[in-house]
Amino acid sequence: MATDELSKWLFASNRRLLEPGLCSTRLGATIVRFAMAKEALTRFPLLLFIFSILVPIRAAGQSQNNYTYGPLPVFELHSGFWINLHHTLYHEAKRTTVASPDKSGKNSGPTMNTAPGAKLSLSPAEQRIWDDAVAHYAANYAAKDLLFSTELIQLKDQLGDFEDCDELSGRKRRFCDAGLPAKLTQVLEAAAPVYRAHLWPDHDRANRRWIMRVAPLVREQGVGLSERLADIYQTRWPRAKIRVDVSGYANWTGAYTTADPLRVTISSLDSRNQGAAALEVLFLEGSHGIAEPVQAAIIRECHQRDKAIPRDLWQALVFYTTGEIIRPVLGSSGATAGDQDGSVPGGGYTPYALREGLYQRGWNDYFKLLQKFWQPYLDGTASFDDAIARMVSSL
């Protein structure tokens, strides 16, 4: 009999021996009825003995690779082993390629949060395994974009779905067969012990620290911000919580969002995502899943006016909107106190796009349009359609 089936049988066999309303979190605090049948009296110790053996076995079989913070509104925050290993190998593979700068000309990704000159101390065997894994990623994935490659999106989602497994092949437990290509499965399972021994502890600590800092803000402000943003975009925030995978590394922007299913990946090591800015990054990424009405309205207005569809206008609008909605919330709550997040002393919180100079990288004209025509809509003095029409007509 399988462990799960035997556990269910044991529970059913003892159910009549337990007081109604027994809480599952208080195992051992059972109250036995005094009017107990003789057979039950003799069987009960034996069943408890068997159950005490099975419970540790089951617990030992559960992977400790994943950490989920909850419950929170709006978002579900994870620190998963396989997701982190995947992004670390991708990051290392990008570093080994010659042409791997991002669009701004900088090398992709943040630097490791380690002491200057720190180097992994791997045995020769570990070094060979790690080098082989990085080489596999360099040959097969480094040239592909984490955000736009369907293959990498599906791979990320699969690794997230199997984060509670300590394997991906299903050799030990059939339900842990992730269905990945055989070679990739072999590479990840071989690299896993090396990563777990040398990098994962630091990455997981960084992830958990990042989660613990942003979680109180999400709990306090999450519902209100999600409802406000959904109203602005004339849609509804997703009913299900948005899964957020916190990883040592993400893509070159430090965070990215993929759809179907809607999932967010955020780097815990990226300096752009720290402090109170973490809350803005969360809602900025989440907004990518609900901003389609804005993009559709811009396209529709451009078609009506026979104008070329402006590249990245809707993207600039999402950055602007999130920043303007977050700014008063963080400024009034004092959430920026003590955090190096780009806030201006005495001037409140500085939104991400302003702090990182995004508008100066080709969005300056959009920024002026947003201030002139979109801001009145945010302030409630203009309609959605009027704001879109005025922006497009002024292009």
Protein backbone atom coordinates (compact mmCIF):
# COMPACT_ATOMS: atom_id res chain seq x y z
CA MET A 1 0.00 0.00 0.00
CA ALA A 2 1.36 3.48 -0.93
CA THR A 3 2.30 5.85 1.89
CA ASP A 4 -0.51 8.31 1.07
CA GLU A 5 -3.11 5.50 0.91
CA LEU A 6 -1.92 3.96 4.16
CA SER A 7 -2.01 7.33 5.88
CA LYS A 8 -5.59 7.82 4.75
CA TRP A 9 -6.54 4.33 5.98
CA LEU A 10 -4.97 5.00 9.37
CA PHE A 11 -6.81 8.27 9.68
CA ALA A 12 -10.11 6.67 8.71
CA SER A 13 -9.55 3.81 11.15
CA ASN A 14 -8.98 6.21 14.04
CA ARG A 15 -11.47 8.88 13.13
CA ARG A 16 -14.13 7.62 15.54
CA LEU A 17 -11.53 7.60 18.35
CA LEU A 18 -10.92 11.33 18.07
CA GLU A 19 -12.97 14.19 19.38
CA PRO A 20 -14.76 16.23 16.72
CA GLY A 21 -13.05 19.46 15.71
CA LEU A 22 -9.49 18.20 16.18
CA CYS A 23 -7.12 20.70 14.58
CA SER A 24 -4.57 19.15 12.21
CA THR A 25 -1.88 21.51 13.45
CA ARG A 26 -2.07 20.03 16.92
CA LEU A 27 -1.06 16.45 16.26
CA GLY A 28 -0.68 14.68 19.57
CA ALA A 29 -3.25 16.82 21.37
CA THR A 30 -5.94 14.25 20.72
CA ILE A 31 -8.76 13.51 23.15
CA VAL A 32 -9.87 9.88 23.25
CA ARG A 33 -13.47 9.03 24.04
CA PHE A 34 -13.96 7.23 27.38
CA ALA A 35 -16.61 4.91 25.88
CA MET A 36 -14.03 3.14 23.75
CA ALA A 37 -14.52 -0.35 22.39
CA LYS A 38 -12.08 -2.99 23.59
CA GLU A 39 -10.88 -3.65 20.06
CA ALA A 40 -10.15 0.02 19.58
CA LEU A 41 -8.17 0.14 22.81
CA THR A 42 -5.87 -2.63 21.68
CA ARG A 43 -5.56 -1.36 18.09
CA PHE A 44 -5.03 2.32 18.81
CA PRO A 45 -1.43 2.09 20.18
CA LEU A 46 -0.39 -0.08 17.25
CA LEU A 47 -1.88 2.33 14.73
CA LEU A 48 -0.23 5.29 16.40
CA PHE A 49 3.09 3.47 16.26
CA ILE A 50 2.73 2.80 12.51
CA PHE A 51 1.62 6.36 11.87
CA SER A 52 4.57 7.78 13.86
CA ILE A 53 6.89 5.85 11.56
CA LEU A 54 5.16 6.95 8.34
CA VAL A 55 4.96 10.65 9.13
CA PRO A 56 8.76 11.17 9.35
CA ILE A 57 9.19 9.18 6.13
CA ARG A 58 6.74 11.42 4.34
CA ALA A 59 8.27 14.57 5.78
CA ALA A 60 11.75 13.44 4.81
CA GLY A 61 10.58 12.95 1.24
CA GLN A 62 9.48 16.55 0.91
CA SER A 63 12.02 18.86 -0.70
CA GLN A 64 13.38 21.81 1.22
CA ASN A 65 14.31 23.59 -2.01
CA ASN A 66 11.42 26.02 -1.99
CA TYR A 67 10.32 28.84 0.28
CA THR A 68 6.90 30.44 -0.10
CA TYR A 69 5.88 33.47 1.93
CA GLY A 70 2.22 33.76 2.64
CA PRO A 71 -0.54 34.36 2.82
CA LEU A 72 -0.46 37.77 1.15
CA PRO A 73 -2.98 39.59 -1.01
CA VAL A 74 -2.39 40.01 -4.75
CA PHE A 75 1.01 38.27 -4.96
CA GLU A 76 2.46 34.87 -4.04
CA LEU A 77 6.18 35.14 -3.32
CA HIS A 78 8.52 32.18 -3.88
CA SER A 79 12.21 31.40 -3.52
CA GLY A 80 12.57 28.20 -5.54
CA PHE A 81 15.73 26.16 -6.00
CA TRP A 82 15.32 25.15 -9.66
CA ILE A 83 14.26 28.61 -10.81
CA ASN A 84 17.35 30.07 -9.15
CA LEU A 85 19.68 27.43 -10.58
CA HIS A 86 18.25 28.01 -14.06
CA HIS A 87 18.71 31.78 -13.94
CA THR A 88 22.19 31.46 -12.43
CA LEU A 89 23.34 29.16 -15.22
CA TYR A 90 21.78 31.47 -17.80
CA HIS A 91 23.54 34.45 -16.22
CA GLU A 92 26.89 32.66 -16.14
CA ALA A 93 26.42 31.54 -19.75
CA LYS A 94 25.71 35.11 -20.85
CA ARG A 95 28.91 36.21 -19.16
CA THR A 96 30.94 33.67 -21.13
CA THR A 97 29.71 34.98 -24.47
CA VAL A 98 31.55 37.85 -26.10
CA ALA A 99 28.53 39.84 -27.29
CA SER A 100 26.32 39.89 -24.22
CA PRO A 101 25.70 43.56 -23.37
CA ASP A 102 22.16 44.76 -22.80
CA LYS A 103 20.46 47.45 -24.87
CA SER A 104 22.20 50.19 -22.91
CA GLY A 105 25.63 48.74 -23.70
CA LYS A 106 26.20 47.31 -20.22
CA ASN A 107 26.81 43.72 -19.28
CA SER A 108 23.61 41.90 -18.44
CA GLY A 109 22.51 41.29 -14.87
CA PRO A 110 23.70 42.50 -11.48
CA THR A 111 26.96 41.54 -9.86
CA MET A 112 27.15 38.91 -7.16
CA ASN A 113 26.51 40.17 -3.66
CA THR A 114 29.84 38.81 -2.42
CA ALA A 115 33.10 40.24 -1.15
CA PRO A 116 35.39 41.82 -3.79
CA GLY A 117 37.51 39.19 -5.45
CA ALA A 118 35.54 36.34 -3.95
CA LYS A 119 35.75 33.18 -6.01
CA LEU A 120 33.93 29.88 -5.79
CA SER A 121 36.06 27.19 -4.19
CA LEU A 122 35.12 24.12 -6.21
CA SER A 123 36.80 20.78 -6.32
CA PRO A 124 38.10 19.66 -9.74
CA ALA A 125 35.09 17.38 -10.15
CA GLU A 126 32.64 20.12 -9.15
CA GLN A 127 34.35 22.56 -11.49
CA ARG A 128 33.98 20.18 -14.43
CA ILE A 129 30.28 19.65 -13.68
CA TRP A 130 29.63 23.37 -13.32
CA ASP A 131 31.60 24.26 -16.46
CA ASP A 132 29.69 21.63 -18.43
CA ALA A 133 26.37 23.06 -17.23
CA VAL A 134 27.36 26.62 -18.13
CA ALA A 135 28.63 25.44 -21.52
CA HIS A 136 25.28 23.71 -22.19
CA TYR A 137 23.43 26.93 -21.40
CA ALA A 138 25.86 28.98 -23.49
CA ALA A 139 25.33 26.69 -26.49
CA ASN A 140 21.56 26.35 -26.20
CA TYR A 141 20.06 29.30 -24.31
CA ALA A 142 22.40 32.27 -23.90
CA ALA A 143 21.50 33.73 -27.31
CA LYS A 144 17.78 33.59 -26.48
CA ASP A 145 15.86 36.18 -24.49
CA LEU A 146 14.25 35.12 -21.23
CA LEU A 147 11.28 37.39 -21.93
CA PHE A 148 10.65 36.64 -25.60
CA SER A 149 11.79 33.05 -26.10
CA THR A 150 8.82 30.69 -25.87
CA GLU A 151 11.21 27.86 -25.07
CA LEU A 152 12.73 29.70 -22.10
CA ILE A 153 9.35 30.87 -20.85
CA GLN A 154 8.01 27.33 -20.84
CA LEU A 155 11.19 26.06 -19.19
CA LYS A 156 10.93 28.67 -16.43
CA ASP A 157 7.29 27.83 -15.77
CA GLN A 158 8.02 24.09 -15.65
CA LEU A 159 10.82 24.57 -13.16
CA GLY A 160 8.50 26.67 -11.02
CA ASP A 161 5.80 24.00 -11.14
CA PHE A 162 8.27 21.37 -9.89
CA GLU A 163 9.96 23.50 -7.25
CA ASP A 164 8.94 21.13 -4.43
CA CYS A 165 10.83 18.25 -6.05
CA ASP A 166 14.48 17.47 -5.34
CA GLU A 167 14.81 15.92 -8.81
CA LEU A 168 13.44 16.54 -12.29
CA SER A 169 13.67 13.11 -13.89
CA GLY A 170 11.10 11.24 -11.79
CA ARG A 171 13.49 8.40 -10.98
CA LYS A 172 12.77 8.64 -7.24
CA ARG A 173 9.22 9.93 -7.43
CA ARG A 174 7.23 9.68 -10.63
CA PHE A 175 5.34 12.92 -10.02
CA CYS A 176 8.70 14.75 -10.11
CA ASP A 177 9.19 14.03 -13.81
CA ALA A 178 9.21 17.59 -15.19
CA GLY A 179 9.15 16.45 -18.81
CA LEU A 180 12.26 18.43 -19.75
CA PRO A 181 14.62 17.40 -22.55
CA ALA A 182 16.76 14.49 -21.35
CA LYS A 183 20.05 16.34 -21.73
CA LEU A 184 18.80 19.41 -19.86
CA THR A 185 17.45 17.24 -17.05
CA GLN A 186 20.85 15.57 -16.79
CA VAL A 187 22.64 18.94 -16.75
CA LEU A 188 20.40 20.47 -14.07
CA GLU A 189 20.44 17.42 -11.80
CA ALA A 190 24.23 17.19 -12.10
CA ALA A 191 24.74 20.89 -11.37
CA ALA A 192 22.23 20.92 -8.49
CA PRO A 193 24.58 19.57 -5.76
CA VAL A 194 27.28 22.05 -6.75
CA TYR A 195 24.86 24.96 -6.74
CA ARG A 196 23.25 23.82 -3.49
CA ALA A 197 26.62 23.62 -1.75
CA HIS A 198 28.20 26.85 -2.97
CA LEU A 199 25.69 29.44 -4.28
CA TRP A 200 22.15 28.52 -3.28
CA PRO A 201 22.52 29.36 0.45
CA ASP A 202 23.52 32.96 -0.38
CA HIS A 203 20.87 33.30 -3.08
CA ASP A 204 18.13 31.88 -0.90
CA ARG A 205 19.06 34.18 1.99
CA ALA A 206 19.01 37.17 -0.35
CA ASN A 207 15.64 36.07 -1.73
CA ARG A 208 14.11 35.60 1.70
CA ARG A 209 15.49 38.91 2.92
CA TRP A 210 13.99 40.66 -0.11
CA ILE A 211 10.65 38.93 0.46
CA MET A 212 10.57 39.73 4.17
CA ARG A 213 11.17 43.42 3.45
CA VAL A 214 8.49 43.80 0.80
CA ALA A 215 5.86 41.51 2.33
CA PRO A 216 4.62 44.01 4.97
CA LEU A 217 4.11 46.63 2.25
CA VAL A 218 2.17 44.15 0.11
CA ARG A 219 0.02 43.18 3.07
CA GLU A 220 -0.70 46.81 3.91
CA GLN A 221 -1.08 48.33 0.45
CA GLY A 222 -1.57 45.42 -1.96
CA VAL A 223 -5.35 45.36 -2.27
CA GLY A 224 -5.74 49.12 -2.60
CA LEU A 225 -2.98 49.47 -5.18
CA SER A 226 -4.22 46.57 -7.29
CA GLU A 227 -7.77 47.97 -7.34
CA ARG A 228 -6.54 51.47 -8.19
CA LEU A 229 -4.39 50.24 -11.07
CA ALA A 230 -7.16 48.03 -12.42
CA ASP A 231 -9.54 51.01 -12.40
CA ILE A 232 -7.01 53.12 -14.29
CA TYR A 233 -6.56 50.48 -16.98
CA GLN A 234 -10.32 49.85 -17.09
CA THR A 235 -10.00 46.18 -16.36
CA ARG A 236 -9.82 43.81 -13.40
CA TRP A 237 -6.79 42.67 -11.48
CA PRO A 238 -6.30 38.91 -11.87
CA ARG A 239 -8.49 36.98 -9.45
CA ALA A 240 -5.74 34.48 -8.70
CA LYS A 241 -2.65 35.72 -6.94
CA ILE A 242 0.21 36.52 -9.28
CA ARG A 243 3.10 34.13 -8.75
CA VAL A 244 6.41 35.94 -8.16
CA ASP A 245 9.63 33.95 -8.39
CA VAL A 246 12.38 35.76 -6.50
CA SER A 247 15.75 34.74 -7.88
CA GLY A 248 19.33 35.79 -7.43
CA TYR A 249 19.34 36.70 -11.10
CA ALA A 250 16.57 37.55 -13.54
CA ASN A 251 17.07 39.13 -16.98
CA TRP A 252 19.14 42.21 -17.88
CA THR A 253 16.41 44.58 -16.65
CA GLY A 254 16.34 42.92 -13.23
CA ALA A 255 12.73 41.74 -13.51
CA TYR A 256 10.40 40.42 -16.19
CA THR A 257 6.84 39.18 -16.62
CA THR A 258 5.49 36.39 -18.80
CA ALA A 259 1.89 35.53 -19.62
CA ASP A 260 -0.28 32.40 -19.81
CA PRO A 261 0.19 31.88 -16.92
CA LEU A 262 0.95 35.36 -15.64
CA ARG A 263 4.19 35.08 -13.66
CA VAL A 264 6.81 37.55 -12.49
CA THR A 265 10.53 36.93 -11.98
CA ILE A 266 12.50 39.46 -9.90
CA SER A 267 16.20 39.55 -9.03
CA SER A 268 16.90 39.88 -5.31
CA LEU A 269 20.52 40.89 -5.99
CA ASP A 270 19.78 43.72 -8.41
CA SER A 271 20.36 47.11 -6.79
CA ARG A 272 17.40 48.56 -8.72
CA ASN A 273 14.94 46.34 -6.86
CA GLN A 274 15.89 47.11 -3.27
CA GLY A 275 14.15 48.86 -0.40
CA ALA A 276 10.78 50.47 -0.97
CA ALA A 277 11.43 50.25 -4.72
CA ALA A 278 10.63 46.55 -4.41
CA LEU A 279 6.95 47.39 -4.03
CA GLU A 280 6.96 49.49 -7.19
CA VAL A 281 8.79 46.77 -9.13
CA LEU A 282 6.20 44.22 -8.02
CA PHE A 283 3.27 46.31 -9.20
CA LEU A 284 5.11 47.50 -12.29
CA GLU A 285 5.59 43.91 -13.39
CA GLY A 286 2.09 42.91 -12.33
CA SER A 287 0.65 45.79 -14.35
CA HIS A 288 2.06 44.29 -17.52
CA GLY A 289 -0.62 41.66 -17.16
CA ILE A 290 -3.51 44.14 -17.09
CA ALA A 291 -2.35 47.01 -19.32
CA GLU A 292 -3.62 45.50 -22.58
CA PRO A 293 -6.63 47.91 -22.75
CA VAL A 294 -4.18 50.83 -22.88
CA GLN A 295 -2.16 49.28 -25.68
CA ALA A 296 -5.35 48.43 -27.59
CA ALA A 297 -6.66 51.99 -27.18
CA ILE A 298 -3.41 53.49 -28.47
CA ILE A 299 -3.42 51.19 -31.50
CA ARG A 300 -7.07 51.93 -32.21
CA GLU A 301 -6.53 55.69 -31.99
CA CYS A 302 -3.49 55.51 -34.27
CA HIS A 303 -5.47 53.57 -36.88
CA GLN A 304 -8.28 56.14 -36.77
CA ARG A 305 -5.81 58.98 -37.27
CA ASP A 306 -3.71 57.07 -39.82
CA LYS A 307 -0.61 57.38 -37.66
CA ALA A 308 2.22 54.96 -37.06
CA ILE A 309 1.88 53.08 -33.80
CA PRO A 310 4.42 54.63 -31.39
CA ARG A 311 6.96 52.17 -30.13
CA ASP A 312 6.99 51.73 -26.34
CA LEU A 313 4.41 54.43 -25.58
CA TRP A 314 2.26 51.97 -23.66
CA GLN A 315 5.37 50.72 -21.85
CA ALA A 316 6.34 54.24 -20.83
CA LEU A 317 2.74 54.79 -19.72
CA VAL A 318 2.85 51.73 -17.45
CA PHE A 319 6.10 52.90 -15.83
CA TYR A 320 4.71 56.40 -15.38
CA THR A 321 1.38 55.23 -13.99
CA THR A 322 2.86 52.78 -11.50
CA GLY A 323 5.33 55.36 -10.26
CA GLU A 324 2.71 58.04 -9.79
CA ILE A 325 0.34 55.70 -7.97
CA ILE A 326 3.10 54.30 -5.74
CA ARG A 327 4.73 57.64 -4.97
CA PRO A 328 2.14 59.04 -2.51
CA VAL A 329 1.64 55.65 -0.87
CA LEU A 330 5.31 55.20 -0.06
CA GLY A 331 5.82 58.85 0.74
CA SER A 332 2.97 58.99 3.25
CA SER A 333 3.70 55.63 4.87
CA GLY A 334 7.36 56.42 5.53
CA ALA A 335 8.29 53.18 3.84
CA THR A 336 11.41 54.75 2.32
CA ALA A 337 12.97 55.51 5.69
CA GLY A 338 16.36 53.85 6.03
CA ASP A 339 16.28 52.31 2.54
CA GLN A 340 18.65 53.17 -0.30
CA ASP A 341 15.91 53.25 -2.88
CA GLY A 342 16.40 56.55 -4.66
CA SER A 343 14.11 58.67 -2.54
CA VAL A 344 14.88 62.33 -2.47
CA PRO A 345 15.65 63.61 1.06
CA GLY A 346 12.68 65.64 2.15
CA GLY A 347 10.98 65.09 -1.18
CA GLY A 348 9.42 61.67 -0.81
CA TYR A 349 9.79 58.66 -3.05
CA THR A 350 11.31 58.90 -6.54
CA PRO A 351 9.61 56.57 -9.05
CA TYR A 352 11.69 53.90 -10.78
CA ALA A 353 11.64 55.42 -14.29
CA LEU A 354 12.87 58.79 -13.02
CA ARG A 355 15.46 57.30 -10.70
CA GLU A 356 16.90 55.00 -13.39
CA GLY A 357 16.81 57.64 -16.13
CA LEU A 358 14.51 55.68 -18.45
CA TYR A 359 12.93 58.78 -19.94
CA GLN A 360 16.35 60.10 -20.93
CA ARG A 361 16.97 56.95 -22.98
CA GLY A 362 14.46 57.77 -25.70
CA TRP A 363 11.24 58.28 -23.74
CA ASN A 364 11.57 61.99 -22.99
CA ASP A 365 8.89 63.01 -25.52
CA TYR A 366 6.58 60.36 -24.08
CA PHE A 367 7.24 61.67 -20.58
CA LYS A 368 6.09 65.14 -21.62
CA LEU A 369 2.93 63.75 -23.22
CA LEU A 370 2.17 61.69 -20.13
CA GLN A 371 2.59 64.66 -17.84
CA LYS A 372 0.39 66.84 -20.03
CA PHE A 373 -2.41 64.48 -21.04
CA TRP A 374 -2.27 61.28 -18.95
CA GLN A 375 -1.73 62.92 -15.57
CA PRO A 376 -5.10 64.74 -15.73
CA TYR A 377 -6.75 61.34 -16.22
CA LEU A 378 -4.93 60.00 -13.14
CA ASP A 379 -6.10 63.09 -11.25
CA GLY A 380 -9.70 62.49 -12.31
CA THR A 381 -10.06 65.60 -14.46
CA ALA A 382 -10.02 63.85 -17.87
CA SER A 383 -11.49 60.67 -19.31
CA PHE A 384 -9.53 57.63 -20.42
CA ASP A 385 -10.52 58.01 -24.09
CA ASP A 386 -9.78 61.74 -24.10
CA ALA A 387 -6.34 61.24 -22.57
CA ILE A 388 -5.41 58.57 -25.15
CA ALA A 389 -6.76 60.67 -28.04
CA ARG A 390 -4.85 63.76 -26.99
CA MET A 391 -1.58 61.86 -26.57
CA VAL A 392 -1.84 60.20 -29.98
CA SER A 393 -2.87 63.41 -31.73
CA SER A 394 0.17 65.18 -30.27
CA LEU A 395 2.68 62.61 -31.52
